[in-house]
């Protein structure tokens, strides 16, 4: 694996690349960084894989963040145009929403889509909760408490070390500014949902859900499946929202099938 940094838009974007073959770009979720895809990058050596840190997460700078999915989409588009070339894009949660937006906006750069635990719209309560989390993100104690509470909600496997996962997520968000920006972006799809744009996505899409996902339940996947012209569904058993933590073997197998 090799790490590098690219100047894209107004951000220094940190990424990890490995393997050779067809290009695949991984986009992580809230309070994560490129390391959340390490298992897949290590195994999918027959693809040229890229996993980058979303602005304000990991080692990527925040830039002039505006709290919109459109800006995060344009960051991905810039990565595809200037680093990876056209690619299959894989996104988890926030990352999945970003990937779908990019696929609708630039079909010439997104050749296929896989989304995990992803929504095209959020409800009023979820939007309010995201905005509250964003407002508290500058307080280190409140940020850590929120990450701990949210992480417990996102996990199902009792053998997972919750505090270890919380520590990784806290390291990924640093001072919390990028986390607040991404929370605000996701809150924004309550008033400006991505759902109407789904019909413009003509490439194949695999929608992956988790059996016990309380944040993004099956009805969110069904909404995607109804709006996407060419989509299929796979469910990960014995997993909550953080399915790549709860059941990484099943996630890796599902991704292998989708990429194949």
Protein backbone atom coordinates (compact mmCIF):
# COMPACT_ATOMS: atom_id res chain seq x y z
CA UNK A 1 0.00 0.00 0.00
CA UNK A 2 1.17 3.51 -0.77
CA UNK A 3 -0.07 6.75 0.75
CA UNK A 4 -0.02 10.10 -0.98
CA UNK A 5 -1.59 13.54 -0.92
CA UNK A 6 -3.21 15.35 -3.85
CA UNK A 7 -4.24 19.00 -4.09
CA UNK A 8 -7.89 18.75 -5.12
CA UNK A 9 -10.18 21.78 -5.16
CA UNK A 10 -9.30 23.65 -1.94
CA UNK A 11 -8.21 20.56 0.00
CA UNK A 12 -5.05 18.53 0.48
CA UNK A 13 -6.59 15.08 0.07
CA UNK A 14 -4.78 12.17 1.70
CA UNK A 15 -5.30 8.71 0.22
CA UNK A 16 -4.01 5.15 0.19
CA UNK A 17 -3.62 3.17 -3.06
CA UNK A 18 -2.79 -0.45 -3.79
CA UNK A 19 -3.18 -3.35 -6.18
CA UNK A 20 -3.48 -3.31 -9.96
CA UNK A 21 -6.36 -3.75 -12.36
CA UNK A 22 -9.75 -2.02 -12.73
CA UNK A 23 -10.02 1.09 -10.56
CA UNK A 24 -12.13 1.13 -7.39
CA UNK A 25 -12.49 4.19 -5.15
CA UNK A 26 -13.68 3.74 -1.55
CA UNK A 27 -15.40 6.57 0.35
CA UNK A 28 -15.79 6.21 4.12
CA UNK A 29 -18.58 7.32 6.44
CA UNK A 30 -18.90 9.88 9.22
CA UNK A 31 -16.13 9.84 11.81
CA UNK A 32 -13.99 7.43 9.80
CA UNK A 33 -11.00 7.69 7.47
CA UNK A 34 -9.41 5.66 4.70
CA UNK A 35 -8.30 2.99 7.19
CA UNK A 36 -11.88 1.73 7.48
CA UNK A 37 -11.32 0.05 4.08
CA UNK A 38 -7.95 -1.51 4.92
CA UNK A 39 -9.28 -5.08 4.97
CA UNK A 40 -10.72 -4.73 1.46
CA UNK A 41 -7.68 -2.95 0.05
CA UNK A 42 -5.43 -5.71 1.36
CA UNK A 43 -7.58 -8.43 -0.20
CA UNK A 44 -8.60 -6.87 -3.53
CA UNK A 45 -5.13 -6.85 -5.04
CA UNK A 46 -6.57 -7.66 -8.48
CA UNK A 47 -8.06 -4.15 -8.54
CA UNK A 48 -6.35 -0.78 -8.34
CA UNK A 49 -7.96 0.45 -5.13
CA UNK A 50 -8.00 3.94 -3.69
CA UNK A 51 -9.35 5.02 -0.30
CA UNK A 52 -9.21 8.71 0.54
CA UNK A 53 -9.92 10.77 3.63
CA UNK A 54 -13.02 12.93 3.20
CA UNK A 55 -12.30 16.62 3.78
CA UNK A 56 -11.70 17.35 7.45
CA UNK A 57 -11.29 13.65 8.29
CA UNK A 58 -8.09 11.70 8.80
CA UNK A 59 -5.16 13.54 7.23
CA UNK A 60 -7.16 15.55 4.68
CA UNK A 61 -7.52 19.27 5.30
CA UNK A 62 -10.91 20.92 5.75
CA UNK A 63 -10.60 23.77 3.27
CA UNK A 64 -13.48 26.22 2.84
CA UNK A 65 -16.11 23.69 3.84
CA UNK A 66 -19.72 24.66 3.13
CA UNK A 67 -21.63 21.81 4.77
CA UNK A 68 -23.17 20.37 1.61
CA UNK A 69 -23.25 16.98 -0.05
CA UNK A 70 -22.64 18.79 -3.36
CA UNK A 71 -19.20 19.95 -2.20
CA UNK A 72 -18.29 16.47 -0.93
CA UNK A 73 -19.51 15.10 -4.28
CA UNK A 74 -17.29 17.53 -6.14
CA UNK A 75 -14.34 16.39 -4.00
CA UNK A 76 -14.96 12.82 -5.21
CA UNK A 77 -15.37 13.99 -8.80
CA UNK A 78 -12.02 15.80 -8.56
CA UNK A 79 -10.39 12.64 -7.19
CA UNK A 80 -11.78 10.59 -10.08
CA UNK A 81 -10.75 13.18 -12.67
CA UNK A 82 -7.24 13.84 -11.37
CA UNK A 83 -6.09 10.74 -9.46
CA UNK A 84 -7.85 7.45 -10.17
CA UNK A 85 -9.56 7.96 -13.50
CA UNK A 86 -13.05 6.54 -14.09
CA UNK A 87 -13.83 3.94 -11.44
CA UNK A 88 -16.36 1.85 -9.61
CA UNK A 89 -17.13 3.82 -6.45
CA UNK A 90 -17.89 2.16 -3.12
CA UNK A 91 -19.36 4.30 -0.32
CA UNK A 92 -20.48 3.65 3.22
CA UNK A 93 -23.22 5.76 4.85
CA UNK A 94 -22.16 9.39 4.22
CA UNK A 95 -19.78 8.04 1.59
CA UNK A 96 -22.59 6.18 -0.14
CA UNK A 97 -24.65 9.35 -0.42
CA UNK A 98 -21.64 11.14 -1.88
CA UNK A 99 -21.06 8.31 -4.38
CA UNK A 100 -24.69 8.31 -5.54
CA UNK A 101 -24.58 12.07 -6.02
CA UNK A 102 -21.39 11.77 -8.08
CA UNK A 103 -22.85 8.94 -10.19
CA UNK A 104 -25.87 11.10 -11.05
CA UNK A 105 -23.71 14.16 -11.72
CA UNK A 106 -20.79 12.61 -13.64
CA UNK A 107 -21.73 9.27 -15.19
CA UNK A 108 -18.59 9.45 -17.35
CA UNK A 109 -16.41 9.06 -14.24
CA UNK A 110 -18.47 6.62 -12.14
CA UNK A 111 -18.60 3.27 -13.94
CA UNK A 112 -20.37 1.35 -11.18
CA UNK A 113 -21.66 1.91 -7.65
CA UNK A 114 -21.75 -0.06 -4.43
CA UNK A 115 -23.35 1.62 -1.41
CA UNK A 116 -23.51 0.28 2.14
CA UNK A 117 -25.84 1.56 4.86
CA UNK A 118 -26.83 4.49 2.69
CA UNK A 119 -29.79 6.88 2.51
CA UNK A 120 -30.89 9.33 -0.15
CA UNK A 121 -32.95 11.33 2.36
CA UNK A 122 -33.03 11.73 6.14
CA UNK A 123 -36.03 12.32 8.37
CA UNK A 124 -36.66 15.43 10.42
CA UNK A 125 -35.48 13.89 13.70
CA UNK A 126 -32.28 12.59 12.15
CA UNK A 127 -31.58 15.97 10.58
CA UNK A 128 -32.11 17.72 13.92
CA UNK A 129 -29.86 15.22 15.68
CA UNK A 130 -27.12 15.77 13.09
CA UNK A 131 -27.30 19.53 13.52
CA UNK A 132 -27.13 19.16 17.30
CA UNK A 133 -24.08 16.91 16.99
CA UNK A 134 -22.48 19.43 14.62
CA UNK A 135 -23.05 22.29 17.08
CA UNK A 136 -21.38 20.29 19.87
CA UNK A 137 -18.44 19.02 17.82
CA UNK A 138 -16.11 21.82 18.91
CA UNK A 139 -16.29 20.67 22.54
CA UNK A 140 -13.86 17.71 22.94
CA UNK A 141 -15.82 16.17 25.82
CA UNK A 142 -19.19 16.49 24.07
CA UNK A 143 -17.66 15.15 20.85
CA UNK A 144 -16.26 12.06 22.53
CA UNK A 145 -19.53 11.44 24.40
CA UNK A 146 -21.47 11.71 21.14
CA UNK A 147 -19.11 9.36 19.31
CA UNK A 148 -19.39 6.82 22.13
CA UNK A 149 -23.20 6.95 22.21
CA UNK A 150 -23.50 6.77 18.42
CA UNK A 151 -20.98 3.95 18.11
CA UNK A 152 -22.91 1.81 20.59
CA UNK A 153 -26.06 2.34 18.52
CA UNK A 154 -24.23 1.40 15.33
CA UNK A 155 -22.83 -1.93 16.54
CA UNK A 156 -24.56 -5.29 16.96
CA UNK A 157 -21.74 -7.80 17.51
CA UNK A 158 -21.16 -8.13 21.30
CA UNK A 159 -17.56 -9.26 20.77
CA UNK A 160 -16.53 -5.92 19.24
CA UNK A 161 -14.45 -3.68 21.54
CA UNK A 162 -16.59 -0.54 21.56
CA UNK A 163 -13.93 1.67 23.14
CA UNK A 164 -11.40 0.65 20.51
CA UNK A 165 -13.82 1.61 17.75
CA UNK A 166 -14.60 4.91 19.51
CA UNK A 167 -10.87 5.68 19.76
CA UNK A 168 -10.40 5.08 16.03
CA UNK A 169 -13.36 7.28 15.18
CA UNK A 170 -12.16 10.04 17.51
CA UNK A 171 -8.72 9.97 15.88
CA UNK A 172 -10.36 10.23 12.45
CA UNK A 173 -12.25 13.44 13.29
CA UNK A 174 -9.49 15.29 15.15
CA UNK A 175 -10.78 18.69 16.24
CA UNK A 176 -14.29 17.83 15.02
CA UNK A 177 -14.57 20.51 12.34
CA UNK A 178 -14.72 18.05 9.43
CA UNK A 179 -17.14 15.89 11.38
CA UNK A 180 -19.42 18.90 11.93
CA UNK A 181 -19.23 19.75 8.23
CA UNK A 182 -20.22 16.22 7.20
CA UNK A 183 -23.05 16.09 9.77
CA UNK A 184 -24.39 19.35 8.37
CA UNK A 185 -24.18 17.97 4.84
CA UNK A 186 -26.20 14.89 5.79
CA UNK A 187 -28.77 17.01 7.64
CA UNK A 188 -29.19 18.96 4.40
CA UNK A 189 -30.64 16.02 2.51
CA UNK A 190 -33.77 16.31 4.65
CA UNK A 191 -34.80 19.50 2.81
CA UNK A 192 -32.94 18.68 -0.40
CA UNK A 193 -33.10 14.88 -0.80
CA UNK A 194 -31.01 13.02 -3.32
CA UNK A 195 -33.91 10.71 -4.21
CA UNK A 196 -35.04 12.58 -7.37
CA UNK A 197 -31.53 12.29 -8.83
CA UNK A 198 -31.43 8.50 -8.56
CA UNK A 199 -33.19 8.01 -11.88
CA UNK A 200 -30.21 9.60 -13.63
CA UNK A 201 -27.84 6.85 -12.44
CA UNK A 202 -27.58 4.42 -15.34
CA UNK A 203 -24.63 2.31 -14.19
CA UNK A 204 -25.15 -0.89 -12.15
CA UNK A 205 -25.70 -0.29 -8.43
CA UNK A 206 -25.39 -2.79 -5.59
CA UNK A 207 -27.20 -1.69 -2.42
CA UNK A 208 -25.86 -3.40 0.71
CA UNK A 209 -27.81 -3.25 3.97
CA UNK A 210 -27.26 -4.75 7.41
CA UNK A 211 -29.73 -6.98 9.19
CA UNK A 212 -29.75 -4.94 12.41
CA UNK A 213 -29.04 -1.42 11.13
CA UNK A 214 -31.02 0.97 13.34
CA UNK A 215 -29.72 4.10 11.58
CA UNK A 216 -30.33 3.03 8.00
CA UNK A 217 -33.02 0.31 8.05
CA UNK A 218 -34.34 -1.71 5.14
CA UNK A 219 -36.86 0.99 4.20
CA UNK A 220 -33.93 3.28 3.27
CA UNK A 221 -32.58 0.59 0.95
CA UNK A 222 -36.04 0.06 -0.52
CA UNK A 223 -36.25 3.76 -1.35
CA UNK A 224 -32.97 3.48 -3.24
CA UNK A 225 -34.07 0.34 -5.05
CA UNK A 226 -37.31 2.02 -6.13
CA UNK A 227 -35.47 5.02 -7.56
CA UNK A 228 -32.47 3.36 -9.22
CA UNK A 229 -32.91 1.95 -12.74
CA UNK A 230 -30.37 -0.88 -12.36
CA UNK A 231 -29.97 -1.96 -8.74
CA UNK A 232 -29.75 -5.13 -6.68
CA UNK A 233 -29.81 -5.72 -2.93
CA UNK A 234 -27.58 -7.73 -0.58
CA UNK A 235 -28.03 -8.00 3.19
CA UNK A 236 -25.23 -8.53 5.69
CA UNK A 237 -26.36 -10.80 8.55
CA UNK A 238 -25.51 -10.31 12.22
CA UNK A 239 -24.46 -6.69 11.76
CA UNK A 240 -25.54 -3.19 12.69
CA UNK A 241 -24.78 0.03 10.83
CA UNK A 242 -21.01 -0.39 11.24
CA UNK A 243 -21.26 -3.61 9.26
CA UNK A 244 -17.59 -3.63 8.24
CA UNK A 245 -16.74 -3.77 11.95
CA UNK A 246 -19.48 -6.18 13.02
CA UNK A 247 -19.12 -8.67 10.16
CA UNK A 248 -16.14 -7.81 7.91
CA UNK A 249 -16.02 -11.28 6.34
CA UNK A 250 -19.55 -10.97 4.96
CA UNK A 251 -18.95 -7.39 3.81
CA UNK A 252 -15.76 -8.39 2.00
CA UNK A 253 -17.53 -11.31 0.31
CA UNK A 254 -20.43 -9.07 -0.79
CA UNK A 255 -18.03 -6.47 -2.17
CA UNK A 256 -16.04 -9.14 -3.99
CA UNK A 257 -19.23 -10.34 -5.69
CA UNK A 258 -20.30 -6.80 -6.58
CA UNK A 259 -16.91 -5.90 -8.03
CA UNK A 260 -16.72 -9.19 -9.91
